[in-house]
Every structure is written in C-alpha cells, then in structure tokens.
Amino acid sequence: MTAVTPNELSARPALDLTRRQLSVRRRAIDLISKVLMCVALLIAVVPLVLVIFYVIQKGAGLISMEFLTGDITSPRRAGGGMGPAVVGTLLITGAASVMSIPLGVLGAVYLNEYGKSNALARFIRMMADVMTGVPSIVMALFIYIAVVLTTKEKSGLAAAIALAALMLPVVLRSSEEMLKLVPDELRQASAALGARRWKTTVSVVLPAAISGITSGIMLAIARAAGETTPIVVCAGVASTISWNLGEMQTALPAQIFLNASSPFTPAVERAWGAALTLMVIVLVFTIIARLIASRFAIKNR
C-alpha cells in the first residue's frame, strides 16, 4: 500500500455530511420526531403555565407582609393572614427533613457501597419502592394511630414524622441512583492509594455524587411542603403563630384546603394567596437545588 501524502489528502473532496445527503425517508422520520417532541412539550408546558398564571392572577393582590405574618381570622371576615401556616410549613418541613435526609443518604450509602445485592439490601429496596407508592392518607392515618392516639394530642411533630416517612423513600432511592453513577474507577483508585472503604465513600464517592443527591433531597422537601393530608390529620388547627412543634400547628396546604372549601368569599381569596405563597416556597426550594447542583457540577468538572 502506498502512503498518502498530506497534499493528496487536502486535494480530495470533503465528504458532505449535511442533512441534504440523508434519504427522504430518514429526513421525514427526523421531521416527524421533532414535531412530536414539540407537541409533547406544549402539552406539558401549556397547562403548567396556565395554572401558574391563574394562581398569580388570583393571589398576587393579597400578598403583603401583613398577610405573611398575620394571624388567621374567621372565614367570614376579610383581612387576616397566613403567618401561622407559613411558620408551620417551615417548621414541619424542616423537622421532617432533619429526620429523613440523614437516614435516607446513609441508607443509600449502605445499599450501593456495602449491601449491594444481599438479602437485606434487596429487602430495603423493596420496602422503599412500596413506601414510595403509599398514599399520603395511609401514612397519615398510620402516624395518627401510632403517635397522636398515644400522646392524646395532635402536634406539628406528628405531622413532621408523617412527612418524614413520605420523604425517606424518595431520598433513599434518588441518592442510591446518584451513587450508582459514580465510576468504579474512582473507588479503585482510592483503594489503590490505601484508603479504607469508609474513607473512600466520604472523600471520593459522596463528593462526586453530591450534586445529584442534593437535587433529589430538595425535590423531596418541595413535595413534603405541598402535602395536605398529614397536616390535616396529625397537626390539628392553629390560628396563631407557634414555634413549638409539640403543639398543634397548621400549614399552607391545610389552609388552602380549608379556605377553598369554605362558602365565604374572603376565605376563598385567602386560599388563593396561600396557594401563591406555597408555590413561591416550592419555587425557592427548586432554585436552591438547581444552584447547588450547578455549583458542585462545575466544581467537579
């Protein structure tokens, strides 16, 4: 075989790999696929945009510092605020996060780094999948029987336990999936340097997966902040701000339900304001998740 000189290579015509060289059939399939993707995007986005626009239109006029900090009034009376619900949402969701996030991340580390495919790990995965599909009303009733009937009173702590039980499988499974994405070469390189498994997990595996783990955690928090049934069943009703989780609390989802089902116009208007407030809180959680994930992803690269 004769060698090809650089001059001969440059003299050869360049291959035309543009879209025009594709067959008519492949171009038609490509066009149909793009159209179907755009239609699917519109089907998903348009209702979401309409819902957001409608909630903003109905609730923006009520948002004020007095609304966010004021006590809850009678459904018949105009004015009042959602201060107890805002505080209750933050307290109950925060307590649920403290209970579920460490346990979920540690469980994911065990499943992916230690348990692998043994009998206990398979059992934990199966139970996590089952808990993921359990309706919130079932979990709320279970906590009501196990906690509320035992202590003889409803409290924010009981609602936080119910929310933690709903968050735990989400954090566990999402964290495990993120840990699976960490290349085994990183673990092997750390082991080759003499690091123990726990040291490899803490200093190599978790930092590499922290971006995805954080996103899953924040999504679980956002979901818990919007749950209604555990608050109604386990937390009770409160009309004034209380920072004690051992007392009866309320939250924005519960107030949205109670006020929206009321026949009085002031209560319905407050429901729209509470819905917008909850939507903003969920949006803030999502933005925080995206910022943290982007920051760690850039750092890893």
Protein backbone atom coordinates (compact mmCIF):
# COMPACT_ATOMS: atom_id res chain seq x y z
CA MET A 1 0.00 0.00 0.00
CA THR A 2 1.26 3.42 -0.88
CA ALA A 3 1.33 6.16 1.68
CA VAL A 4 -0.98 9.10 1.22
CA THR A 5 0.71 12.45 1.44
CA PRO A 6 -0.87 15.45 3.15
CA ASN A 7 -1.14 17.22 -0.18
CA GLU A 8 -3.18 14.34 -1.62
CA LEU A 9 -5.47 14.37 1.41
CA SER A 10 -6.12 18.07 1.04
CA ALA A 11 -6.82 17.62 -2.67
CA ARG A 12 -9.58 15.06 -2.08
CA PRO A 13 -13.14 16.46 -1.95
CA ALA A 14 -14.53 16.76 1.58
CA LEU A 15 -17.39 14.46 2.47
CA ASP A 16 -20.72 16.27 2.59
CA LEU A 17 -22.38 15.09 5.79
CA THR A 18 -25.11 17.69 5.80
CA ARG A 19 -28.79 16.92 6.18
CA ARG A 20 -29.28 17.14 2.41
CA GLN A 21 -27.35 13.90 1.95
CA LEU A 22 -29.85 11.93 4.05
CA SER A 23 -32.52 9.87 2.35
CA VAL A 24 -36.05 11.22 2.04
CA ARG A 25 -37.31 8.57 4.47
CA ARG A 26 -34.79 9.45 7.17
CA ARG A 27 -35.46 13.18 6.77
CA ALA A 28 -39.20 12.56 7.08
CA ILE A 29 -38.72 10.48 10.24
CA ASP A 30 -36.47 13.18 11.68
CA LEU A 31 -39.05 15.87 10.97
CA ILE A 32 -41.91 13.82 12.43
CA SER A 33 -39.87 13.13 15.57
CA LYS A 34 -39.16 16.83 16.06
CA VAL A 35 -42.83 17.70 15.59
CA LEU A 36 -43.93 15.04 18.10
CA MET A 37 -41.38 16.26 20.65
CA CYS A 38 -42.57 19.85 20.27
CA VAL A 39 -46.22 18.78 20.65
CA ALA A 40 -45.38 16.75 23.78
CA LEU A 41 -43.53 19.77 25.20
CA LEU A 42 -46.52 22.02 24.58
CA ILE A 43 -48.92 19.50 26.14
CA ALA A 44 -46.77 19.50 29.30
CA VAL A 45 -45.88 23.20 29.48
CA VAL A 46 -49.09 24.99 28.44
CA PRO A 47 -51.29 23.66 31.31
CA LEU A 48 -48.48 24.38 33.79
CA VAL A 49 -48.13 27.95 32.54
CA LEU A 50 -51.89 28.47 32.67
CA VAL A 51 -52.08 27.19 36.25
CA ILE A 52 -49.19 29.40 37.35
CA PHE A 53 -50.68 32.45 35.60
CA TYR A 54 -54.11 31.86 37.13
CA VAL A 55 -52.74 31.44 40.66
CA ILE A 56 -50.65 34.60 40.31
CA GLN A 57 -53.64 36.50 38.94
CA LYS A 58 -55.87 35.43 41.83
CA GLY A 59 -53.37 35.60 44.69
CA ALA A 60 -50.91 38.38 43.89
CA GLY A 61 -53.21 41.09 45.22
CA LEU A 62 -53.25 39.55 48.70
CA ILE A 63 -49.51 39.07 49.17
CA SER A 64 -48.14 41.52 51.73
CA MET A 65 -46.13 41.49 54.90
CA GLU A 66 -49.34 41.56 56.91
CA PHE A 67 -50.65 38.54 55.00
CA LEU A 68 -47.43 36.58 55.53
CA THR A 69 -47.16 37.37 59.25
CA GLY A 70 -50.75 37.99 60.43
CA ASP A 71 -52.89 35.55 62.40
CA ILE A 72 -55.62 33.51 60.74
CA THR A 73 -59.08 35.03 61.11
CA SER A 74 -62.64 33.75 60.76
CA PRO A 75 -63.65 32.61 57.26
CA ARG A 76 -66.39 35.26 57.25
CA ARG A 77 -64.04 38.18 57.93
CA ALA A 78 -61.89 39.93 55.37
CA GLY A 79 -58.21 40.52 56.03
CA GLY A 80 -56.10 38.39 58.28
CA GLY A 81 -53.05 36.49 57.21
CA MET A 82 -51.28 33.17 56.90
CA GLY A 83 -48.48 33.69 59.41
CA PRO A 84 -49.19 30.51 61.41
CA ALA A 85 -49.39 28.49 58.20
CA VAL A 86 -46.11 29.89 56.83
CA VAL A 87 -44.31 29.22 60.12
CA GLY A 88 -45.90 25.80 60.42
CA THR A 89 -44.88 24.86 56.87
CA LEU A 90 -41.27 25.81 57.50
CA LEU A 91 -41.13 24.15 60.94
CA ILE A 92 -42.84 20.89 59.99
CA THR A 93 -40.99 20.54 56.69
CA GLY A 94 -37.69 21.39 58.37
CA ALA A 95 -38.22 18.82 61.11
CA ALA A 96 -39.22 16.19 58.54
CA SER A 97 -36.06 16.96 56.57
CA VAL A 98 -33.86 16.58 59.63
CA MET A 99 -35.38 13.17 60.31
CA SER A 100 -35.42 11.80 56.76
CA ILE A 101 -32.40 13.21 54.91
CA PRO A 102 -29.55 11.74 57.03
CA LEU A 103 -31.29 8.37 57.27
CA GLY A 104 -32.02 8.32 53.55
CA VAL A 105 -28.48 9.23 52.48
CA LEU A 106 -26.90 6.76 54.91
CA GLY A 107 -29.29 4.05 53.71
CA ALA A 108 -28.32 4.78 50.11
CA VAL A 109 -24.64 4.53 51.01
CA TYR A 110 -25.24 1.14 52.61
CA LEU A 111 -27.24 -0.16 49.66
CA ASN A 112 -24.76 0.92 47.00
CA GLU A 113 -21.41 0.65 48.77
CA TYR A 114 -21.87 -2.20 51.26
CA GLY A 115 -25.11 -4.12 50.84
CA LYS A 116 -25.00 -4.43 47.03
CA SER A 117 -27.31 -7.39 46.26
CA ASN A 118 -27.51 -9.24 49.57
CA ALA A 119 -30.83 -10.22 51.11
CA LEU A 120 -31.06 -7.20 53.45
CA ALA A 121 -30.30 -4.74 50.67
CA ARG A 122 -32.94 -6.30 48.40
CA PHE A 123 -35.48 -6.15 51.24
CA ILE A 124 -34.72 -2.47 51.90
CA ARG A 125 -35.09 -1.61 48.22
CA MET A 126 -38.38 -3.45 48.01
CA MET A 127 -39.76 -1.69 51.09
CA ALA A 128 -38.56 1.69 49.79
CA ASP A 129 -40.35 1.07 46.49
CA VAL A 130 -43.50 0.08 48.36
CA MET A 131 -43.33 3.19 50.57
CA THR A 132 -42.87 5.39 47.52
CA GLY A 133 -46.28 4.28 46.25
CA VAL A 134 -48.09 4.53 49.59
CA PRO A 135 -50.75 7.32 49.51
CA SER A 136 -50.25 10.15 51.96
CA ILE A 137 -53.60 9.43 53.63
CA VAL A 138 -52.43 5.92 54.55
CA MET A 139 -49.21 7.25 56.08
CA ALA A 140 -51.12 9.99 57.89
CA LEU A 141 -53.56 7.51 59.41
CA PHE A 142 -50.71 5.24 60.47
CA ILE A 143 -48.93 8.09 62.27
CA TYR A 144 -52.25 9.21 63.75
CA ILE A 145 -52.76 5.77 65.30
CA ALA A 146 -49.13 5.30 66.35
CA VAL A 147 -48.35 8.81 67.62
CA VAL A 148 -51.41 11.01 68.02
CA LEU A 149 -53.55 8.43 69.83
CA THR A 150 -50.56 7.54 72.02
CA THR A 151 -49.80 11.12 73.06
CA LYS A 152 -53.51 12.05 73.17
CA GLU A 153 -52.95 15.26 71.18
CA LYS A 154 -52.22 16.45 67.68
CA SER A 155 -48.95 18.26 67.10
CA GLY A 156 -46.60 19.54 64.47
CA LEU A 157 -44.15 16.81 65.44
CA ALA A 158 -46.64 14.08 64.48
CA ALA A 159 -47.15 15.74 61.09
CA ALA A 160 -43.37 16.01 60.66
CA ILE A 161 -42.98 12.28 61.33
CA ALA A 162 -45.62 11.54 58.68
CA LEU A 163 -43.88 13.79 56.15
CA ALA A 164 -40.50 12.25 57.01
CA ALA A 165 -41.93 8.81 56.26
CA LEU A 166 -43.07 10.09 52.86
CA MET A 167 -39.73 11.77 52.13
CA LEU A 168 -37.50 8.89 53.22
CA PRO A 169 -38.02 6.52 50.25
CA VAL A 170 -37.62 9.41 47.79
CA VAL A 171 -34.30 10.47 49.32
CA LEU A 172 -33.14 6.86 49.63
CA ARG A 173 -33.84 5.80 46.06
CA SER A 174 -32.71 9.02 44.41
CA SER A 175 -29.46 9.06 46.41
CA GLU A 176 -28.77 5.43 45.55
CA GLU A 177 -29.23 6.12 41.85
CA MET A 178 -26.80 9.04 42.06
CA LEU A 179 -24.23 6.88 43.84
CA LYS A 180 -24.54 4.28 41.08
CA LEU A 181 -23.43 6.89 38.56
CA VAL A 182 -20.06 7.36 40.27
CA PRO A 183 -17.47 5.41 38.19
CA ASP A 184 -15.92 2.40 39.91
CA GLU A 185 -12.52 3.61 38.71
CA LEU A 186 -12.66 6.35 41.36
CA ARG A 187 -13.24 3.80 44.10
CA GLN A 188 -10.47 1.56 42.78
CA ALA A 189 -8.03 4.45 42.57
CA SER A 190 -8.78 5.43 46.16
CA ALA A 191 -8.39 1.81 47.32
CA ALA A 192 -5.08 1.57 45.44
CA LEU A 193 -3.80 4.52 47.47
CA GLY A 194 -4.57 2.62 50.67
CA ALA A 195 -7.81 4.35 51.69
CA ARG A 196 -10.36 2.32 53.62
CA ARG A 197 -13.85 1.86 52.21
CA TRP A 198 -15.46 4.37 54.57
CA LYS A 199 -12.79 6.92 53.73
CA THR A 200 -13.34 6.34 50.02
CA THR A 201 -17.07 6.78 50.49
CA VAL A 202 -16.74 10.02 52.45
CA SER A 203 -13.95 11.67 50.49
CA VAL A 204 -14.49 10.35 46.95
CA VAL A 205 -17.93 8.85 46.32
CA LEU A 206 -20.16 11.32 48.15
CA PRO A 207 -18.43 14.45 46.79
CA ALA A 208 -18.74 13.06 43.27
CA ALA A 209 -22.46 12.40 43.70
CA ILE A 210 -23.38 15.34 45.95
CA SER A 211 -24.87 17.38 43.10
CA GLY A 212 -27.50 14.77 42.22
CA ILE A 213 -28.10 13.86 45.85
CA THR A 214 -28.80 17.50 46.67
CA SER A 215 -31.27 17.78 43.80
CA GLY A 216 -33.16 14.70 44.99
CA ILE A 217 -33.23 15.98 48.55
CA MET A 218 -34.60 19.37 47.56
CA LEU A 219 -37.27 17.80 45.38
CA ALA A 220 -38.33 15.61 48.30
CA ILE A 221 -38.53 18.70 50.52
CA ALA A 222 -40.65 20.51 47.93
CA ARG A 223 -43.00 17.54 47.75
CA ALA A 224 -43.33 17.39 51.54
CA ALA A 225 -44.08 21.11 51.71
CA GLY A 226 -47.13 20.57 49.50
CA GLU A 227 -48.66 17.60 51.32
CA THR A 228 -52.08 18.29 52.83
CA THR A 229 -53.37 15.13 54.46
CA PRO A 230 -50.64 14.64 57.13
CA ILE A 231 -51.16 18.24 58.26
CA VAL A 232 -54.94 17.98 58.49
CA VAL A 233 -54.90 14.57 60.21
CA CYS A 234 -51.88 14.90 62.52
CA ALA A 235 -51.13 18.60 63.12
CA GLY A 236 -54.57 19.88 64.04
CA VAL A 237 -55.65 23.50 63.57
CA ALA A 238 -53.89 26.63 64.82
CA SER A 239 -54.84 30.26 64.28
CA THR A 240 -51.83 31.93 65.92
CA ILE A 241 -48.12 31.60 65.33
CA SER A 242 -46.40 28.96 67.46
CA TRP A 243 -42.75 27.92 67.30
CA ASN A 244 -43.31 24.81 69.41
CA LEU A 245 -43.55 21.59 67.41
CA GLY A 246 -45.15 19.86 70.37
CA GLU A 247 -48.27 22.00 69.99
CA MET A 248 -50.94 21.98 67.31
CA GLN A 249 -49.74 23.55 64.08
CA THR A 250 -51.12 24.36 60.68
CA ALA A 251 -49.52 24.67 57.26
CA LEU A 252 -50.22 26.28 53.92
CA PRO A 253 -51.63 23.14 52.21
CA ALA A 254 -54.11 22.64 55.04
CA GLN A 255 -55.19 26.29 54.92
CA ILE A 256 -55.61 26.13 51.17
CA PHE A 257 -57.91 23.13 51.58
CA LEU A 258 -59.93 24.63 54.45
CA ASN A 259 -60.34 28.08 52.91
CA ALA A 260 -61.02 26.87 49.37
CA SER A 261 -63.83 24.61 50.62
CA SER A 262 -65.43 27.50 52.52
CA PRO A 263 -68.52 29.22 51.00
CA PHE A 264 -67.30 32.67 52.09
CA THR A 265 -65.51 34.92 49.59
CA PRO A 266 -62.79 36.25 51.98
CA ALA A 267 -61.75 32.69 52.81
CA VAL A 268 -61.55 31.72 49.14
CA GLU A 269 -59.40 34.78 48.42
CA ARG A 270 -57.04 33.82 51.26
CA ALA A 271 -56.81 30.34 49.75
CA TRP A 272 -55.51 31.83 46.51
CA GLY A 273 -52.97 33.90 48.44
CA ALA A 274 -51.84 30.84 50.39
CA ALA A 275 -51.53 28.86 47.14
CA LEU A 276 -49.30 31.53 45.65
CA THR A 277 -47.20 31.64 48.83
CA LEU A 278 -46.76 27.87 48.77
CA MET A 279 -45.87 27.97 45.09
CA VAL A 280 -43.18 30.58 45.76
CA ILE A 281 -41.73 28.48 48.60
CA VAL A 282 -41.59 25.42 46.34
CA LEU A 283 -40.00 27.54 43.60
CA VAL A 284 -37.37 28.80 46.03
CA PHE A 285 -36.57 25.22 47.05
CA THR A 286 -36.22 24.23 43.40
CA ILE A 287 -33.96 27.19 42.58
CA ILE A 288 -31.77 26.40 45.58
CA ALA A 289 -31.49 22.80 44.39
CA ARG A 290 -30.52 23.90 40.88
CA LEU A 291 -27.94 26.40 42.16
CA ILE A 292 -26.33 23.89 44.50
CA ALA A 293 -26.30 21.20 41.82
CA SER A 294 -24.78 23.58 39.26
CA ARG A 295 -22.16 24.80 41.69
CA PHE A 296 -20.96 21.32 42.59
CA ALA A 297 -21.14 20.16 38.98
CA ILE A 298 -18.83 23.00 37.88
CA LYS A 299 -16.51 22.26 40.76
CA ASN A 300 -16.33 18.58 39.84
CA ARG A 301 -15.57 19.37 36.22
